[in-house]
Amino acid sequence: MSKVNDILNGWSNYLIGSDSANLELAKQRAEICVNCPFAKQGLHTAILPDYSIAEIQGMYCSDCGCPLSTAVRSKDYKCPIGKWG
């Protein structure tokens, strides 16, 4: 899958919702991301509230620039520093 498709998949799963297996995978990834030194609090909280995975709400990856709420939900996306995927 191309990077564009990965991004679109993550946004789709964030906005529309995803099945329980994908949400469980996203929660596992979020547990890793929340403790990563590249995870930064941004201004995304106001426009990207994350009620399903509150610990990453408003955070983004300072390595790739992706909002974590969408990155962790993209089925085929791989962490840019290899922590998951």
PDB file of N, CA and C in Angstrom:
ATOM      1  N   MET A   1       0.849  -1.168   0.000  1.00  0.00           N
ATOM      2  CA  MET A   1       0.000   0.000   0.000  1.00  0.00           C
ATOM      3  C   MET A   1       0.897   1.234   0.000  1.00  0.00           C
ATOM      4  N   SER A   2       0.515   2.260  -0.734  1.00  0.00           N
ATOM      5  CA  SER A   2       1.311   3.476  -0.792  1.00  0.00           C
ATOM      6  C   SER A   2       1.109   4.306   0.466  1.00  0.00           C
ATOM      7  N   LYS A   3       2.023   5.245   0.675  1.00  0.00           N
ATOM      8  CA  LYS A   3       1.924   6.100   1.849  1.00  0.00           C
ATOM      9  C   LYS A   3       0.623   6.908   1.845  1.00  0.00           C
ATOM     10  N   VAL A   4       0.204   7.375   0.675  1.00  0.00           N
ATOM     11  CA  VAL A   4      -1.056   8.120   0.568  1.00  0.00           C
ATOM     12  C   VAL A   4      -2.228   7.246   1.000  1.00  0.00           C
ATOM     13  N   ASN A   5      -2.245   6.002   0.545  1.00  0.00           N
ATOM     14  CA  ASN A   5      -3.315   5.080   0.951  1.00  0.00           C
ATOM     15  C   ASN A   5      -3.280   4.809   2.446  1.00  0.00           C
ATOM     16  N   ASP A   6      -2.071   4.706   3.018  1.00  0.00           N
ATOM     17  CA  ASP A   6      -1.949   4.502   4.459  1.00  0.00           C
ATOM     18  C   ASP A   6      -2.556   5.674   5.218  1.00  0.00           C
ATOM     19  N   ILE A   7      -2.254   6.885   4.766  1.00  0.00           N
ATOM     20  CA  ILE A   7      -2.778   8.091   5.414  1.00  0.00           C
ATOM     21  C   ILE A   7      -4.302   8.138   5.297  1.00  0.00           C
ATOM     22  N   LEU A   8      -4.814   7.878   4.106  1.00  0.00           N
ATOM     23  CA  LEU A   8      -6.264   7.895   3.897  1.00  0.00           C
ATOM     24  C   LEU A   8      -6.960   6.820   4.726  1.00  0.00           C
ATOM     25  N   ASN A   9      -6.337   5.663   4.829  1.00  0.00           N
ATOM     26  CA  ASN A   9      -6.900   4.586   5.639  1.00  0.00           C
ATOM     27  C   ASN A   9      -6.987   4.997   7.105  1.00  0.00           C
ATOM     28  N   GLY A  10      -5.951   5.611   7.618  1.00  0.00           N
ATOM     29  CA  GLY A  10      -5.949   6.073   9.006  1.00  0.00           C
ATOM     30  C   GLY A  10      -7.013   7.117   9.269  1.00  0.00           C
ATOM     31  N   TRP A  11      -7.133   8.082   8.361  1.00  0.00           N
ATOM     32  CA  TRP A  11      -8.160   9.119   8.507  1.00  0.00           C
ATOM     33  C   TRP A  11      -9.553   8.523   8.412  1.00  0.00           C
ATOM     34  N   SER A  12      -9.749   7.609   7.484  1.00  0.00           N
ATOM     35  CA  SER A  12     -11.053   6.965   7.337  1.00  0.00           C
ATOM     36  C   SER A  12     -11.436   6.226   8.614  1.00  0.00           C
ATOM     37  N   ASN A  13     -10.500   5.459   9.158  1.00  0.00           N
ATOM     38  CA  ASN A  13     -10.775   4.712  10.383  1.00  0.00           C
ATOM     39  C   ASN A  13     -11.006   5.642  11.565  1.00  0.00           C
ATOM     40  N   TYR A  14     -10.342   6.788  11.575  1.00  0.00           N
ATOM     41  CA  TYR A  14     -10.543   7.756  12.647  1.00  0.00           C
ATOM     42  C   TYR A  14     -11.926   8.419  12.535  1.00  0.00           C
ATOM     43  N   LEU A  15     -12.262   8.874  11.340  1.00  0.00           N
ATOM     44  CA  LEU A  15     -13.496   9.630  11.147  1.00  0.00           C
ATOM     45  C   LEU A  15     -14.752   8.762  11.133  1.00  0.00           C
ATOM     46  N   ILE A  16     -14.677   7.627  10.454  1.00  0.00           N
ATOM     47  CA  ILE A  16     -15.849   6.771  10.279  1.00  0.00           C
ATOM     48  C   ILE A  16     -15.923   5.690  11.344  1.00  0.00           C
ATOM     49  N   GLY A  17     -14.782   5.303  11.838  1.00  0.00           N
ATOM     50  CA  GLY A  17     -14.705   4.218  12.804  1.00  0.00           C
ATOM     51  C   GLY A  17     -14.148   2.973  12.140  1.00  0.00           C
ATOM     52  N   SER A  18     -13.741   2.055  12.931  1.00  0.00           N
ATOM     53  CA  SER A  18     -13.176   0.823  12.401  1.00  0.00           C
ATOM     54  C   SER A  18     -13.699  -0.353  13.208  1.00  0.00           C
ATOM     55  N   ASP A  19     -13.414  -1.531  12.727  1.00  0.00           N
ATOM     56  CA  ASP A  19     -13.888  -2.715  13.439  1.00  0.00           C
ATOM     57  C   ASP A  19     -13.120  -2.878  14.755  1.00  0.00           C
ATOM     58  N   SER A  20     -13.603  -3.749  15.594  1.00  0.00           N
ATOM     59  CA  SER A  20     -13.010  -3.911  16.929  1.00  0.00           C
ATOM     60  C   SER A  20     -11.572  -4.406  16.872  1.00  0.00           C
ATOM     61  N   ALA A  21     -11.230  -5.224  15.880  1.00  0.00           N
ATOM     62  CA  ALA A  21      -9.853  -5.716  15.752  1.00  0.00           C
ATOM     63  C   ALA A  21      -8.905  -4.569  15.426  1.00  0.00           C
ATOM     64  N   ASN A  22      -9.322  -3.686  14.525  1.00  0.00           N
ATOM     65  CA  ASN A  22      -8.480  -2.550  14.169  1.00  0.00           C
ATOM     66  C   ASN A  22      -8.354  -1.593  15.340  1.00  0.00           C
ATOM     67  N   LEU A  23      -9.423  -1.379  16.081  1.00  0.00           N
ATOM     68  CA  LEU A  23      -9.363  -0.496  17.245  1.00  0.00           C
ATOM     69  C   LEU A  23      -8.440  -1.085  18.305  1.00  0.00           C
ATOM     70  N   GLU A  24      -8.484  -2.385  18.487  1.00  0.00           N
ATOM     71  CA  GLU A  24      -7.586  -3.030  19.456  1.00  0.00           C
ATOM     72  C   GLU A  24      -6.126  -2.862  19.032  1.00  0.00           C
ATOM     73  N   LEU A  25      -5.843  -3.024  17.734  1.00  0.00           N
ATOM     74  CA  LEU A  25      -4.494  -2.812  17.213  1.00  0.00           C
ATOM     75  C   LEU A  25      -4.072  -1.356  17.437  1.00  0.00           C
ATOM     76  N   ALA A  26      -4.974  -0.422  17.192  1.00  0.00           N
ATOM     77  CA  ALA A  26      -4.683   1.000  17.391  1.00  0.00           C
ATOM     78  C   ALA A  26      -4.355   1.288  18.855  1.00  0.00           C
ATOM     79  N   LYS A  27      -5.083   0.673  19.770  1.00  0.00           N
ATOM     80  CA  LYS A  27      -4.821   0.867  21.203  1.00  0.00           C
ATOM     81  C   LYS A  27      -3.464   0.306  21.597  1.00  0.00           C
ATOM     82  N   GLN A  28      -3.083  -0.844  21.028  1.00  0.00           N
ATOM     83  CA  GLN A  28      -1.764  -1.419  21.309  1.00  0.00           C
ATOM     84  C   GLN A  28      -0.662  -0.492  20.803  1.00  0.00           C
ATOM     85  N   ARG A  29      -0.839   0.045  19.612  1.00  0.00           N
ATOM     86  CA  ARG A  29       0.138   0.972  19.051  1.00  0.00           C
ATOM     87  C   ARG A  29       0.210   2.246  19.887  1.00  0.00           C
ATOM     88  N   ALA A  30      -0.943   2.738  20.328  1.00  0.00           N
ATOM     89  CA  ALA A  30      -0.987   3.969  21.123  1.00  0.00           C
ATOM     90  C   ALA A  30      -0.220   3.812  22.432  1.00  0.00           C
ATOM     91  N   GLU A  31      -0.280   2.637  23.036  1.00  0.00           N
ATOM     92  CA  GLU A  31       0.478   2.386  24.269  1.00  0.00           C
ATOM     93  C   GLU A  31       1.969   2.563  24.043  1.00  0.00           C
ATOM     94  N   ILE A  32       2.430   2.185  22.870  1.00  0.00           N
ATOM     95  CA  ILE A  32       3.838   2.346  22.520  1.00  0.00           C
ATOM     96  C   ILE A  32       4.130   3.823  22.237  1.00  0.00           C
ATOM     97  N   CYS A  33       3.266   4.450  21.452  1.00  0.00           N
ATOM     98  CA  CYS A  33       3.483   5.843  21.043  1.00  0.00           C
ATOM     99  C   CYS A  33       3.483   6.814  22.213  1.00  0.00           C
ATOM    100  N   VAL A  34       2.608   6.622  23.157  1.00  0.00           N
ATOM    101  CA  VAL A  34       2.464   7.589  24.250  1.00  0.00           C
ATOM    102  C   VAL A  34       3.763   7.740  25.041  1.00  0.00           C
ATOM    103  N   ASN A  35       4.604   6.721  25.046  1.00  0.00           N
ATOM    104  CA  ASN A  35       5.874   6.765  25.769  1.00  0.00           C
ATOM    105  C   ASN A  35       7.068   7.065  24.873  1.00  0.00           C
ATOM    106  N   CYS A  36       6.820   7.313  23.618  1.00  0.00           N
ATOM    107  CA  CYS A  36       7.892   7.559  22.651  1.00  0.00           C
ATOM    108  C   CYS A  36       8.376   9.010  22.770  1.00  0.00           C
ATOM    109  N   PRO A  37       9.689   9.231  22.687  1.00  0.00           N
ATOM    110  CA  PRO A  37      10.190  10.608  22.759  1.00  0.00           C
ATOM    111  C   PRO A  37       9.767  11.475  21.566  1.00  0.00           C
ATOM    112  N   PHE A  38       9.323  10.874  20.474  1.00  0.00           N
ATOM    113  CA  PHE A  38       8.854  11.629  19.317  1.00  0.00           C
ATOM    114  C   PHE A  38       7.388  12.041  19.435  1.00  0.00           C
ATOM    115  N   ALA A  39       6.667  11.497  20.405  1.00  0.00           N
ATOM    116  CA  ALA A  39       5.257  11.856  20.616  1.00  0.00           C
ATOM    117  C   ALA A  39       5.197  13.193  21.329  1.00  0.00           C
ATOM    118  N   LYS A  40       4.589  14.153  20.672  1.00  0.00           N
ATOM    119  CA  LYS A  40       4.500  15.510  21.201  1.00  0.00           C
ATOM    120  C   LYS A  40       3.041  15.948  21.266  1.00  0.00           C
ATOM    121  N   GLN A  41       2.748  16.772  22.256  1.00  0.00           N
ATOM    122  CA  GLN A  41       1.412  17.338  22.360  1.00  0.00           C
ATOM    123  C   GLN A  41       1.324  18.501  21.377  1.00  0.00           C
ATOM    124  N   GLY A  42       0.301  18.486  20.559  1.00  0.00           N
ATOM    125  CA  GLY A  42       0.139  19.538  19.570  1.00  0.00           C
ATOM    126  C   GLY A  42      -1.173  20.272  19.746  1.00  0.00           C
ATOM    127  N   LEU A  43      -1.557  20.954  18.728  1.00  0.00           N
ATOM    128  CA  LEU A  43      -2.810  21.699  18.743  1.00  0.00           C
ATOM    129  C   LEU A  43      -3.955  20.875  18.176  1.00  0.00           C
ATOM    130  N   HIS A  44      -3.731  19.578  17.984  1.00  0.00           N
ATOM    131  CA  HIS A  44      -4.724  18.709  17.366  1.00  0.00           C
ATOM    132  C   HIS A  44      -5.924  18.425  18.264  1.00  0.00           C
ATOM    133  N   THR A  45      -5.812  18.645  19.555  1.00  0.00           N
ATOM    134  CA  THR A  45      -6.895  18.294  20.476  1.00  0.00           C
ATOM    135  C   THR A  45      -8.203  18.979  20.098  1.00  0.00           C
ATOM    136  N   ALA A  46      -8.123  20.216  19.713  1.00  0.00           N
ATOM    137  CA  ALA A  46      -9.340  20.967  19.382  1.00  0.00           C
ATOM    138  C   ALA A  46     -10.026  20.432  18.131  1.00  0.00           C
ATOM    139  N   ILE A  47      -9.245  19.972  17.157  1.00  0.00           N
ATOM    140  CA  ILE A  47      -9.851  19.506  15.909  1.00  0.00           C
ATOM    141  C   ILE A  47      -9.878  17.991  15.779  1.00  0.00           C
ATOM    142  N   LEU A  48      -9.095  17.287  16.594  1.00  0.00           N
ATOM    143  CA  LEU A  48      -9.058  15.829  16.536  1.00  0.00           C
ATOM    144  C   LEU A  48      -9.275  15.207  17.906  1.00  0.00           C
ATOM    145  N   PRO A  49     -10.440  15.412  18.509  1.00  0.00           N
ATOM    146  CA  PRO A  49     -10.663  14.748  19.792  1.00  0.00           C
ATOM    147  C   PRO A  49     -10.679  13.238  19.600  1.00  0.00           C
ATOM    148  N   ASP A  50     -10.042  12.524  20.480  1.00  0.00           N
ATOM    149  CA  ASP A  50      -9.993  11.073  20.365  1.00  0.00           C
ATOM    150  C   ASP A  50     -10.625  10.469  21.611  1.00  0.00           C
ATOM    151  N   TYR A  51     -11.889  10.122  21.493  1.00  0.00           N
ATOM    152  CA  TYR A  51     -12.623   9.598  22.631  1.00  0.00           C
ATOM    153  C   TYR A  51     -12.357   8.119  22.868  1.00  0.00           C
ATOM    154  N   SER A  52     -11.852   7.421  21.857  1.00  0.00           N
ATOM    155  CA  SER A  52     -11.585   5.988  21.987  1.00  0.00           C
ATOM    156  C   SER A  52     -10.220   5.704  22.586  1.00  0.00           C
ATOM    157  N   ILE A  53      -9.250   6.570  22.287  1.00  0.00           N
ATOM    158  CA  ILE A  53      -7.881   6.375  22.773  1.00  0.00           C
ATOM    159  C   ILE A  53      -7.421   7.712  23.352  1.00  0.00           C
ATOM    160  N   ALA A  54      -7.897   8.033  24.528  1.00  0.00           N
ATOM    161  CA  ALA A  54      -7.681   9.349  25.124  1.00  0.00           C
ATOM    162  C   ALA A  54      -6.215   9.662  25.400  1.00  0.00           C
ATOM    163  N   GLU A  55      -5.395   8.653  25.660  1.00  0.00           N
ATOM    164  CA  GLU A  55      -4.000   8.926  26.030  1.00  0.00           C
ATOM    165  C   GLU A  55      -3.178   9.562  24.909  1.00  0.00           C
ATOM    166  N   ILE A  56      -3.620   9.439  23.655  1.00  0.00           N
ATOM    167  CA  ILE A  56      -2.891  10.063  22.550  1.00  0.00           C
ATOM    168  C   ILE A  56      -3.640  11.248  21.958  1.00  0.00           C
ATOM    169  N   GLN A  57      -4.708  11.652  22.588  1.00  0.00           N
ATOM    170  CA  GLN A  57      -5.519  12.761  22.076  1.00  0.00           C
ATOM    171  C   GLN A  57      -4.666  14.013  21.940  1.00  0.00           C
ATOM    172  N   GLY A  58      -4.682  14.612  20.764  1.00  0.00           N
ATOM    173  CA  GLY A  58      -3.957  15.841  20.506  1.00  0.00           C
ATOM    174  C   GLY A  58      -2.476  15.676  20.249  1.00  0.00           C
ATOM    175  N   MET A  59      -1.987  14.451  20.238  1.00  0.00           N
ATOM    176  CA  MET A  59      -0.554  14.215  20.044  1.00  0.00           C
ATOM    177  C   MET A  59      -0.230  13.943  18.581  1.00  0.00           C
ATOM    178  N   TYR A  60       1.007  14.213  18.222  1.00  0.00           N
ATOM    179  CA  TYR A  60       1.499  13.917  16.884  1.00  0.00           C
ATOM    180  C   TYR A  60       2.904  13.348  16.988  1.00  0.00           C
ATOM    181  N   CYS A  61       3.355  12.726  15.930  1.00  0.00           N
ATOM    182  CA  CYS A  61       4.709  12.174  15.868  1.00  0.00           C
ATOM    183  C   CYS A  61       5.618  13.255  15.295  1.00  0.00           C
ATOM    184  N   SER A  62       6.620  13.670  16.061  1.00  0.00           N
ATOM    185  CA  SER A  62       7.511  14.719  15.575  1.00  0.00           C
ATOM    186  C   SER A  62       8.514  14.190  14.549  1.00  0.00           C
ATOM    187  N   ASP A  63       8.563  12.876  14.357  1.00  0.00           N
ATOM    188  CA  ASP A  63       9.429  12.309  13.319  1.00  0.00           C
ATOM    189  C   ASP A  63       8.760  12.376  11.951  1.00  0.00           C
ATOM    190  N   CYS A  64       7.516  11.878  11.867  1.00  0.00           N
ATOM    191  CA  CYS A  64       6.827  11.854  10.571  1.00  0.00           C
ATOM    192  C   CYS A  64       5.801  12.969  10.424  1.00  0.00           C
ATOM    193  N   GLY A  65       5.380  13.580  11.541  1.00  0.00           N
ATOM    194  CA  GLY A  65       4.420  14.672  11.499  1.00  0.00           C
ATOM    195  C   GLY A  65       2.962  14.251  11.539  1.00  0.00           C
ATOM    196  N   CYS A  66       2.693  12.967  11.598  1.00  0.00           N
ATOM    197  CA  CYS A  66       1.311  12.478  11.576  1.00  0.00           C
ATOM    198  C   CYS A  66       0.635  12.643  12.937  1.00  0.00           C
ATOM    199  N   PRO A  67      -0.657  13.001  12.936  1.00  0.00           N
ATOM    200  CA  PRO A  67      -1.414  12.950  14.185  1.00  0.00           C
ATOM    201  C   PRO A  67      -1.490  11.484  14.633  1.00  0.00           C
ATOM    202  N   LEU A  68      -1.214  11.216  15.882  1.00  0.00           N
ATOM    203  CA  LEU A  68      -1.197   9.828  16.348  1.00  0.00           C
ATOM    204  C   LEU A  68      -2.558   9.165  16.260  1.00  0.00           C
ATOM    205  N   SER A  69      -3.635   9.926  16.435  1.00  0.00           N
ATOM    206  CA  SER A  69      -4.976   9.344  16.372  1.00  0.00           C
ATOM    207  C   SER A  69      -5.272   8.712  15.017  1.00  0.00           C
ATOM    208  N   THR A  70      -4.679   9.239  13.969  1.00  0.00           N
ATOM    209  CA  THR A  70      -4.896   8.658  12.641  1.00  0.00           C
ATOM    210  C   THR A  70      -3.820   7.637  12.303  1.00  0.00           C
ATOM    211  N   ALA A  71      -2.580   7.905  12.688  1.00  0.00           N
ATOM    212  CA  ALA A  71      -1.476   6.991  12.350  1.00  0.00           C
ATOM    213  C   ALA A  71      -1.681   5.606  12.944  1.00  0.00           C
ATOM    214  N   VAL A  72      -2.076   5.544  14.215  1.00  0.00           N
ATOM    215  CA  VAL A  72      -2.226   4.234  14.858  1.00  0.00           C
ATOM    216  C   VAL A  72      -3.397   3.438  14.295  1.00  0.00           C
ATOM    217  N   ARG A  73      -4.339   4.120  13.644  1.00  0.00           N
ATOM    218  CA  ARG A  73      -5.518   3.452  13.089  1.00  0.00           C
ATOM    219  C   ARG A  73      -5.328   2.973  11.645  1.00  0.00           C
ATOM    220  N   SER A  74      -4.227   3.337  11.018  1.00  0.00           N
ATOM    221  CA  SER A  74      -3.982   2.905   9.650  1.00  0.00           C
ATOM    222  C   SER A  74      -3.429   1.490   9.670  1.00  0.00           C
ATOM    223  N   LYS A  75      -4.187   0.572   9.124  1.00  0.00           N
ATOM    224  CA  LYS A  75      -3.882  -0.851   9.211  1.00  0.00           C
ATOM    225  C   LYS A  75      -2.470  -1.205   8.727  1.00  0.00           C
ATOM    226  N   ASP A  76      -2.047  -0.648   7.606  1.00  0.00           N
ATOM    227  CA  ASP A  76      -0.763  -1.031   7.023  1.00  0.00           C
ATOM    228  C   ASP A  76       0.366  -0.037   7.271  1.00  0.00           C
ATOM    229  N   TYR A  77       0.082   1.067   7.949  1.00  0.00           N
ATOM    230  CA  TYR A  77       1.119   2.059   8.221  1.00  0.00           C
ATOM    231  C   TYR A  77       2.138   1.478   9.183  1.00  0.00           C
ATOM    232  N   LYS A  78       3.390   1.844   8.992  1.00  0.00           N
ATOM    233  CA  LYS A  78       4.460   1.367   9.850  1.00  0.00           C
ATOM    234  C   LYS A  78       5.083   2.561  10.578  1.00  0.00           C
ATOM    235  N   CYS A  79       5.376   2.403  11.830  1.00  0.00           N
ATOM    236  CA  CYS A  79       6.041   3.430  12.610  1.00  0.00           C
ATOM    237  C   CYS A  79       7.348   3.800  11.895  1.00  0.00           C
ATOM    238  N   PRO A  80       7.619   5.089  11.708  1.00  0.00           N
ATOM    239  CA  PRO A  80       8.829   5.483  10.981  1.00  0.00           C
ATOM    240  C   PRO A  80      10.137   5.112  11.675  1.00  0.00           C
ATOM    241  N   ILE A  81      10.088   4.844  12.982  1.00  0.00           N
ATOM    242  CA  ILE A  81      11.314   4.426  13.670  1.00  0.00           C
ATOM    243  C   ILE A  81      11.254   2.955  14.082  1.00  0.00           C
ATOM    244  N   GLY A  82      10.285   2.224  13.543  1.00  0.00           N
ATOM    245  CA  GLY A  82      10.214   0.775  13.708  1.00  0.00           C
ATOM    246  C   GLY A  82       9.706   0.252  15.026  1.00  0.00           C
ATOM    247  N   LYS A  83       8.954   1.040  15.769  1.00  0.00           N
ATOM    248  CA  LYS A  83       8.440   0.569  17.061  1.00  0.00           C
ATOM    249  C   LYS A  83       7.229  -0.329  16.926  1.00  0.00           C
ATOM    250  N   TRP A  84       6.492  -0.193  15.831  1.00  0.00           N
ATOM    251  CA  TRP A  84       5.354  -1.083  15.541  1.00  0.00           C
ATOM    252  C   TRP A  84       5.093  -1.082  14.049  1.00  0.00           C
ATOM    253  N   GLY A  85       4.328  -2.032  13.613  1.00  0.00           N
ATOM    254  CA  GLY A  85       3.959  -2.081  12.195  1.00  0.00           C
ATOM    255  C   GLY A  85       4.425  -3.307  11.575  1.00  0.00           C
TER     256      GLY A  85
END
